[in-house]
Amino acid sequence: MASPCIDICRYDETTGWCFGCGMLKPEKKRWKKDKEERPAIRAALPQRLSALATAGHATGEAAAKKKKK
């Protein structure tokens, strides 16, 4: 299973979710090491990205275009 990471790696201060892929930093580390957790991690991402977008954040590739603060 391919990683959902798109190399944006900027995180929401409240949730800790990455604006690019939706993963938490610990999940990114587990993704590399534990293949059995990958389906559960991937299943959570669409809802997280949707919540970030609803809160007014750029997500996915659009998050790369926003300047870091």
N, C-alpha and C. Protein backbone atom coordinates (compact mmCIF):
# COMPACT_ATOMS: atom_id res chain seq x y z
N MET A 1 0.85 -1.17 0.00
CA MET A 1 0.00 0.00 0.00
C MET A 1 0.90 1.24 0.00
N ALA A 2 0.67 2.12 -0.94
CA ALA A 2 1.47 3.34 -1.06
C ALA A 2 1.13 4.32 0.06
N SER A 3 2.11 5.06 0.47
CA SER A 3 1.92 6.05 1.53
C SER A 3 1.04 7.19 1.04
N PRO A 4 0.14 7.68 1.89
CA PRO A 4 -0.69 8.83 1.52
C PRO A 4 0.08 10.15 1.65
N CYS A 5 1.28 10.11 2.20
CA CYS A 5 2.08 11.32 2.40
C CYS A 5 2.42 11.94 1.04
N ILE A 6 2.21 13.27 0.95
CA ILE A 6 2.52 13.98 -0.29
C ILE A 6 3.60 15.03 -0.05
N ASP A 7 4.37 14.85 1.00
CA ASP A 7 5.53 15.69 1.33
C ASP A 7 5.18 17.16 1.58
N ILE A 8 4.04 17.41 2.20
CA ILE A 8 3.68 18.76 2.62
C ILE A 8 4.22 18.96 4.04
N CYS A 9 3.91 18.05 4.93
CA CYS A 9 4.44 17.96 6.30
C CYS A 9 4.34 19.27 7.07
N ARG A 10 3.15 19.84 7.07
CA ARG A 10 2.80 20.98 7.93
C ARG A 10 1.60 20.52 8.74
N TYR A 11 1.58 20.88 10.02
CA TYR A 11 0.60 20.31 10.93
C TYR A 11 -0.29 21.36 11.58
N ASP A 12 -1.55 21.00 11.77
CA ASP A 12 -2.50 21.83 12.48
C ASP A 12 -2.12 21.83 13.96
N GLU A 13 -2.06 23.01 14.56
CA GLU A 13 -1.66 23.12 15.96
C GLU A 13 -2.66 22.49 16.92
N THR A 14 -3.92 22.47 16.56
CA THR A 14 -4.96 21.94 17.44
C THR A 14 -5.04 20.41 17.38
N THR A 15 -5.11 19.87 16.18
CA THR A 15 -5.33 18.43 16.02
C THR A 15 -4.04 17.64 15.85
N GLY A 16 -3.01 18.29 15.33
CA GLY A 16 -1.77 17.59 15.01
C GLY A 16 -1.79 16.91 13.65
N TRP A 17 -2.86 17.08 12.91
CA TRP A 17 -3.00 16.44 11.60
C TRP A 17 -2.21 17.22 10.55
N CYS A 18 -1.59 16.48 9.65
CA CYS A 18 -0.86 17.08 8.54
C CYS A 18 -1.86 17.66 7.54
N PHE A 19 -1.59 18.89 7.08
CA PHE A 19 -2.48 19.51 6.10
C PHE A 19 -2.39 18.81 4.74
N GLY A 20 -1.29 18.15 4.46
CA GLY A 20 -1.12 17.47 3.18
C GLY A 20 -1.83 16.14 3.11
N CYS A 21 -1.62 15.29 4.13
CA CYS A 21 -2.16 13.92 4.06
C CYS A 21 -3.12 13.58 5.19
N GLY A 22 -3.10 14.34 6.27
CA GLY A 22 -4.01 14.07 7.39
C GLY A 22 -3.41 13.23 8.50
N MET A 23 -2.21 12.69 8.29
CA MET A 23 -1.61 11.84 9.32
C MET A 23 -1.00 12.66 10.46
N LEU A 24 -0.92 12.03 11.62
CA LEU A 24 -0.18 12.57 12.75
C LEU A 24 1.29 12.18 12.59
N LYS A 25 2.19 12.91 13.22
CA LYS A 25 3.61 12.57 13.14
C LYS A 25 3.87 11.12 13.58
N PRO A 26 3.30 10.67 14.70
CA PRO A 26 3.54 9.27 15.10
C PRO A 26 3.01 8.25 14.08
N GLU A 27 1.90 8.60 13.41
CA GLU A 27 1.37 7.70 12.39
C GLU A 27 2.31 7.60 11.21
N LYS A 28 2.95 8.70 10.85
CA LYS A 28 3.90 8.66 9.74
C LYS A 28 5.05 7.72 10.06
N LYS A 29 5.49 7.72 11.30
CA LYS A 29 6.57 6.82 11.71
C LYS A 29 6.08 5.37 11.71
N ARG A 30 4.86 5.15 12.23
CA ARG A 30 4.31 3.78 12.26
C ARG A 30 4.05 3.27 10.85
N TRP A 31 3.67 4.16 9.94
CA TRP A 31 3.39 3.76 8.57
C TRP A 31 4.59 3.03 7.98
N LYS A 32 5.76 3.55 8.24
CA LYS A 32 6.98 2.97 7.69
C LYS A 32 7.31 1.61 8.31
N LYS A 33 6.93 1.41 9.56
CA LYS A 33 7.35 0.22 10.30
C LYS A 33 6.29 -0.87 10.42
N ASP A 34 5.02 -0.50 10.46
CA ASP A 34 3.98 -1.47 10.77
C ASP A 34 2.92 -1.52 9.66
N LYS A 35 3.09 -2.44 8.74
CA LYS A 35 2.18 -2.55 7.60
C LYS A 35 0.75 -2.90 8.01
N GLU A 36 0.59 -3.57 9.15
CA GLU A 36 -0.75 -3.97 9.60
C GLU A 36 -1.61 -2.77 10.02
N GLU A 37 -0.99 -1.68 10.42
CA GLU A 37 -1.75 -0.49 10.85
C GLU A 37 -2.15 0.40 9.68
N ARG A 38 -1.56 0.19 8.53
CA ARG A 38 -1.81 1.06 7.39
C ARG A 38 -3.27 1.22 6.99
N PRO A 39 -4.05 0.13 6.91
CA PRO A 39 -5.46 0.32 6.52
C PRO A 39 -6.25 1.21 7.50
N ALA A 40 -6.01 1.06 8.78
CA ALA A 40 -6.72 1.87 9.78
C ALA A 40 -6.30 3.33 9.68
N ILE A 41 -5.02 3.56 9.50
CA ILE A 41 -4.53 4.94 9.36
C ILE A 41 -5.15 5.57 8.12
N ARG A 42 -5.08 4.87 7.00
CA ARG A 42 -5.60 5.41 5.74
C ARG A 42 -7.11 5.68 5.84
N ALA A 43 -7.83 4.84 6.53
CA ALA A 43 -9.29 5.01 6.65
C ALA A 43 -9.67 6.29 7.39
N ALA A 44 -8.82 6.75 8.30
CA ALA A 44 -9.12 7.96 9.08
C ALA A 44 -8.83 9.25 8.32
N LEU A 45 -8.03 9.19 7.29
CA LEU A 45 -7.53 10.41 6.64
C LEU A 45 -8.58 11.24 5.91
N PRO A 46 -9.49 10.67 5.13
CA PRO A 46 -10.47 11.52 4.43
C PRO A 46 -11.31 12.38 5.39
N GLN A 47 -11.70 11.80 6.50
CA GLN A 47 -12.51 12.55 7.47
C GLN A 47 -11.68 13.68 8.09
N ARG A 48 -10.42 13.42 8.38
CA ARG A 48 -9.55 14.44 8.96
C ARG A 48 -9.34 15.59 7.98
N LEU A 49 -9.03 15.26 6.73
CA LEU A 49 -8.81 16.30 5.73
C LEU A 49 -10.09 17.11 5.50
N SER A 50 -11.22 16.46 5.54
CA SER A 50 -12.49 17.15 5.39
C SER A 50 -12.72 18.10 6.56
N ALA A 51 -12.41 17.66 7.77
CA ALA A 51 -12.58 18.51 8.95
C ALA A 51 -11.65 19.72 8.89
N LEU A 52 -10.42 19.50 8.44
CA LEU A 52 -9.49 20.62 8.29
C LEU A 52 -10.00 21.62 7.25
N ALA A 53 -10.51 21.10 6.13
CA ALA A 53 -11.03 21.97 5.08
C ALA A 53 -12.25 22.74 5.57
N THR A 54 -13.12 22.08 6.32
CA THR A 54 -14.30 22.73 6.87
C THR A 54 -13.90 23.85 7.83
N ALA A 55 -12.79 23.67 8.52
CA ALA A 55 -12.28 24.69 9.44
C ALA A 55 -11.56 25.82 8.71
N GLY A 56 -11.51 25.74 7.37
CA GLY A 56 -10.94 26.82 6.58
C GLY A 56 -9.48 26.66 6.19
N HIS A 57 -8.92 25.47 6.41
CA HIS A 57 -7.52 25.24 6.06
C HIS A 57 -7.39 24.67 4.64
N ALA A 58 -6.33 25.05 3.97
CA ALA A 58 -6.00 24.43 2.69
C ALA A 58 -5.47 23.03 2.99
N THR A 59 -5.90 22.04 2.21
CA THR A 59 -5.47 20.66 2.44
C THR A 59 -4.96 20.06 1.13
N GLY A 60 -4.31 18.92 1.27
CA GLY A 60 -3.79 18.23 0.10
C GLY A 60 -2.77 19.10 -0.63
N GLU A 61 -2.76 19.03 -1.94
CA GLU A 61 -1.81 19.80 -2.74
C GLU A 61 -1.97 21.30 -2.54
N ALA A 62 -3.19 21.75 -2.25
CA ALA A 62 -3.42 23.18 -2.03
C ALA A 62 -2.67 23.69 -0.80
N ALA A 63 -2.41 22.83 0.16
CA ALA A 63 -1.67 23.23 1.36
C ALA A 63 -0.22 23.57 1.04
N ALA A 64 0.31 23.03 -0.03
CA ALA A 64 1.69 23.30 -0.42
C ALA A 64 1.84 24.73 -0.92
N LYS A 65 0.78 25.30 -1.42
CA LYS A 65 0.82 26.64 -1.98
C LYS A 65 0.73 27.71 -0.90
N LYS A 66 0.29 27.32 0.29
CA LYS A 66 0.18 28.27 1.39
C LYS A 66 1.53 28.41 2.08
N LYS A 67 1.94 29.64 2.34
CA LYS A 67 3.25 29.87 2.94
C LYS A 67 3.24 29.43 4.40
N LYS A 68 4.37 28.89 4.85
CA LYS A 68 4.54 28.52 6.25
C LYS A 68 4.62 29.78 7.08
N LYS A 69 4.07 29.70 8.29
CA LYS A 69 4.12 30.83 9.20
C LYS A 69 5.29 30.69 10.13
